[in-house]
Amino acid sequence: VSRKHTVVGLILIFLANVNQTEEALAEMQGLFAKLHL
């Protein structure tokens, strides 16, 4: 496995984690909005 391939893989994993975090935050905000209403 080349080093470049490893770096690309790490970037993809990082982006996937950021995506999941944003989705989780959006879901939490939706739940809080429902609770406050």
PDB file of N, CA and C in Angstrom:
ATOM      1  N   VAL A   1       0.855  -1.192   0.000  1.00  0.00           N
ATOM      2  CA  VAL A   1       0.000   0.000   0.000  1.00  0.00           C
ATOM      3  C   VAL A   1       0.890   1.240   0.000  1.00  0.00           C
ATOM      4  N   SER A   2       0.670   2.098  -0.975  1.00  0.00           N
ATOM      5  CA  SER A   2       1.484   3.307  -1.056  1.00  0.00           C
ATOM      6  C   SER A   2       1.061   4.314  -0.005  1.00  0.00           C
ATOM      7  N   ARG A   3       1.963   5.223   0.309  1.00  0.00           N
ATOM      8  CA  ARG A   3       1.672   6.226   1.335  1.00  0.00           C
ATOM      9  C   ARG A   3       0.556   7.153   0.852  1.00  0.00           C
ATOM     10  N   LYS A   4       0.571   7.483  -0.445  1.00  0.00           N
ATOM     11  CA  LYS A   4      -0.454   8.375  -0.989  1.00  0.00           C
ATOM     12  C   LYS A   4      -1.830   7.746  -0.823  1.00  0.00           C
ATOM     13  N   HIS A   5      -1.921   6.444  -1.093  1.00  0.00           N
ATOM     14  CA  HIS A   5      -3.208   5.746  -0.960  1.00  0.00           C
ATOM     15  C   HIS A   5      -3.686   5.807   0.487  1.00  0.00           C
ATOM     16  N   THR A   6      -2.748   5.652   1.428  1.00  0.00           N
ATOM     17  CA  THR A   6      -3.104   5.685   2.851  1.00  0.00           C
ATOM     18  C   THR A   6      -3.646   7.058   3.231  1.00  0.00           C
ATOM     19  N   VAL A   7      -2.992   8.113   2.736  1.00  0.00           N
ATOM     20  CA  VAL A   7      -3.423   9.480   3.048  1.00  0.00           C
ATOM     21  C   VAL A   7      -4.825   9.720   2.503  1.00  0.00           C
ATOM     22  N   VAL A   8      -5.073   9.282   1.268  1.00  0.00           N
ATOM     23  CA  VAL A   8      -6.399   9.457   0.663  1.00  0.00           C
ATOM     24  C   VAL A   8      -7.435   8.719   1.494  1.00  0.00           C
ATOM     25  N   GLY A   9      -7.100   7.522   1.945  1.00  0.00           N
ATOM     26  CA  GLY A   9      -8.028   6.733   2.760  1.00  0.00           C
ATOM     27  C   GLY A   9      -8.348   7.446   4.064  1.00  0.00           C
ATOM     28  N   LEU A  10      -7.322   8.011   4.697  1.00  0.00           N
ATOM     29  CA  LEU A  10      -7.539   8.723   5.962  1.00  0.00           C
ATOM     30  C   LEU A  10      -8.423   9.945   5.745  1.00  0.00           C
ATOM     31  N   ILE A  11      -8.223  10.652   4.626  1.00  0.00           N
ATOM     32  CA  ILE A  11      -9.039  11.839   4.326  1.00  0.00           C
ATOM     33  C   ILE A  11     -10.488  11.422   4.123  1.00  0.00           C
ATOM     34  N   LEU A  12     -10.707  10.319   3.401  1.00  0.00           N
ATOM     35  CA  LEU A  12     -12.078   9.848   3.163  1.00  0.00           C
ATOM     36  C   LEU A  12     -12.743   9.471   4.478  1.00  0.00           C
ATOM     37  N   ILE A  13     -11.998   8.792   5.357  1.00  0.00           N
ATOM     38  CA  ILE A  13     -12.546   8.398   6.662  1.00  0.00           C
ATOM     39  C   ILE A  13     -12.872   9.645   7.474  1.00  0.00           C
ATOM     40  N   PHE A  14     -11.965  10.635   7.424  1.00  0.00           N
ATOM     41  CA  PHE A  14     -12.186  11.886   8.168  1.00  0.00           C
ATOM     42  C   PHE A  14     -13.449  12.580   7.669  1.00  0.00           C
ATOM     43  N   LEU A  15     -13.606  12.664   6.349  1.00  0.00           N
ATOM     44  CA  LEU A  15     -14.784  13.318   5.772  1.00  0.00           C
ATOM     45  C   LEU A  15     -16.054  12.565   6.156  1.00  0.00           C
ATOM     46  N   ALA A  16     -15.993  11.241   6.164  1.00  0.00           N
ATOM     47  CA  ALA A  16     -17.163  10.439   6.531  1.00  0.00           C
ATOM     48  C   ALA A  16     -17.534  10.715   7.984  1.00  0.00           C
ATOM     49  N   ASN A  17     -16.529  10.820   8.865  1.00  0.00           N
ATOM     50  CA  ASN A  17     -16.800  11.096  10.280  1.00  0.00           C
ATOM     51  C   ASN A  17     -17.411  12.474  10.452  1.00  0.00           C
ATOM     52  N   VAL A  18     -16.926  13.461   9.697  1.00  0.00           N
ATOM     53  CA  VAL A  18     -17.465  14.822   9.787  1.00  0.00           C
ATOM     54  C   VAL A  18     -18.922  14.807   9.341  1.00  0.00           C
ATOM     55  N   ASN A  19     -19.197  14.059   8.258  1.00  0.00           N
ATOM     56  CA  ASN A  19     -20.562  13.961   7.741  1.00  0.00           C
ATOM     57  C   ASN A  19     -21.484  13.374   8.798  1.00  0.00           C
ATOM     58  N   GLN A  20     -21.050  12.289   9.441  1.00  0.00           N
ATOM     59  CA  GLN A  20     -21.870  11.634  10.461  1.00  0.00           C
ATOM     60  C   GLN A  20     -22.100  12.572  11.637  1.00  0.00           C
ATOM     61  N   THR A  21     -21.080  13.342  11.992  1.00  0.00           N
ATOM     62  CA  THR A  21     -21.200  14.265  13.122  1.00  0.00           C
ATOM     63  C   THR A  21     -22.219  15.349  12.803  1.00  0.00           C
ATOM     64  N   GLU A  22     -22.176  15.882  11.573  1.00  0.00           N
ATOM     65  CA  GLU A  22     -23.117  16.932  11.178  1.00  0.00           C
ATOM     66  C   GLU A  22     -24.537  16.394  11.203  1.00  0.00           C
ATOM     67  N   GLU A  23     -24.718  15.152  10.731  1.00  0.00           N
ATOM     68  CA  GLU A  23     -26.055  14.549  10.724  1.00  0.00           C
ATOM     69  C   GLU A  23     -26.543  14.348  12.152  1.00  0.00           C
ATOM     70  N   ALA A  24     -25.650  13.900  13.031  1.00  0.00           N
ATOM     71  CA  ALA A  24     -26.025  13.671  14.427  1.00  0.00           C
ATOM     72  C   ALA A  24     -26.416  14.988  15.085  1.00  0.00           C
ATOM     73  N   LEU A  25     -25.659  16.058  14.801  1.00  0.00           N
ATOM     74  CA  LEU A  25     -25.973  17.365  15.379  1.00  0.00           C
ATOM     75  C   LEU A  25     -27.320  17.856  14.866  1.00  0.00           C
ATOM     76  N   ALA A  26     -27.589  17.638  13.583  1.00  0.00           N
ATOM     77  CA  ALA A  26     -28.862  18.074  13.007  1.00  0.00           C
ATOM     78  C   ALA A  26     -30.008  17.326  13.680  1.00  0.00           C
ATOM     79  N   GLU A  27     -29.825  16.028  13.925  1.00  0.00           N
ATOM     80  CA  GLU A  27     -30.874  15.233  14.577  1.00  0.00           C
ATOM     81  C   GLU A  27     -31.093  15.733  16.002  1.00  0.00           C
ATOM     82  N   MET A  28     -30.000  16.041  16.707  1.00  0.00           N
ATOM     83  CA  MET A  28     -30.116  16.537  18.080  1.00  0.00           C
ATOM     84  C   MET A  28     -30.842  17.875  18.100  1.00  0.00           C
ATOM     85  N   GLN A  29     -30.520  18.745  17.149  1.00  0.00           N
ATOM     86  CA  GLN A  29     -31.180  20.053  17.084  1.00  0.00           C
ATOM     87  C   GLN A  29     -32.664  19.861  16.830  1.00  0.00           C
ATOM     88  N   GLY A  30     -33.020  18.884  15.987  1.00  0.00           N
ATOM     89  CA  GLY A  30     -34.423  18.609  15.703  1.00  0.00           C
ATOM     90  C   GLY A  30     -35.136  18.132  16.959  1.00  0.00           C
ATOM     91  N   LEU A  31     -34.471  17.273  17.740  1.00  0.00           N
ATOM     92  CA  LEU A  31     -35.079  16.767  18.973  1.00  0.00           C
ATOM     93  C   LEU A  31     -35.270  17.897  19.973  1.00  0.00           C
ATOM     94  N   PHE A  32     -34.270  18.757  20.103  1.00  0.00           N
ATOM     95  CA  PHE A  32     -34.377  19.879  21.042  1.00  0.00           C
ATOM     96  C   PHE A  32     -35.506  20.808  20.624  1.00  0.00           C
ATOM     97  N   ALA A  33     -35.644  21.028  19.309  1.00  0.00           N
ATOM     98  CA  ALA A  33     -36.705  21.911  18.814  1.00  0.00           C
ATOM     99  C   ALA A  33     -38.063  21.330  19.195  1.00  0.00           C
ATOM    100  N   LYS A  34     -38.212  20.005  19.051  1.00  0.00           N
ATOM    101  CA  LYS A  34     -39.486  19.358  19.403  1.00  0.00           C
ATOM    102  C   LYS A  34     -39.743  19.486  20.906  1.00  0.00           C
ATOM    103  N   LEU A  35     -38.708  19.314  21.711  1.00  0.00           N
ATOM    104  CA  LEU A  35     -38.877  19.395  23.166  1.00  0.00           C
ATOM    105  C   LEU A  35     -39.273  20.805  23.593  1.00  0.00           C
ATOM    106  N   HIS A  36     -38.654  21.816  22.977  1.00  0.00           N
ATOM    107  CA  HIS A  36     -38.951  23.199  23.354  1.00  0.00           C
ATOM    108  C   HIS A  36     -40.333  23.613  22.878  1.00  0.00           C
ATOM    109  N   LEU A  37     -40.800  23.021  21.775  1.00  0.00           N
ATOM    110  CA  LEU A  37     -42.148  23.340  21.297  1.00  0.00           C
ATOM    111  C   LEU A  37     -43.122  22.504  22.100  1.00  0.00           C
TER     112      LEU A  37
END
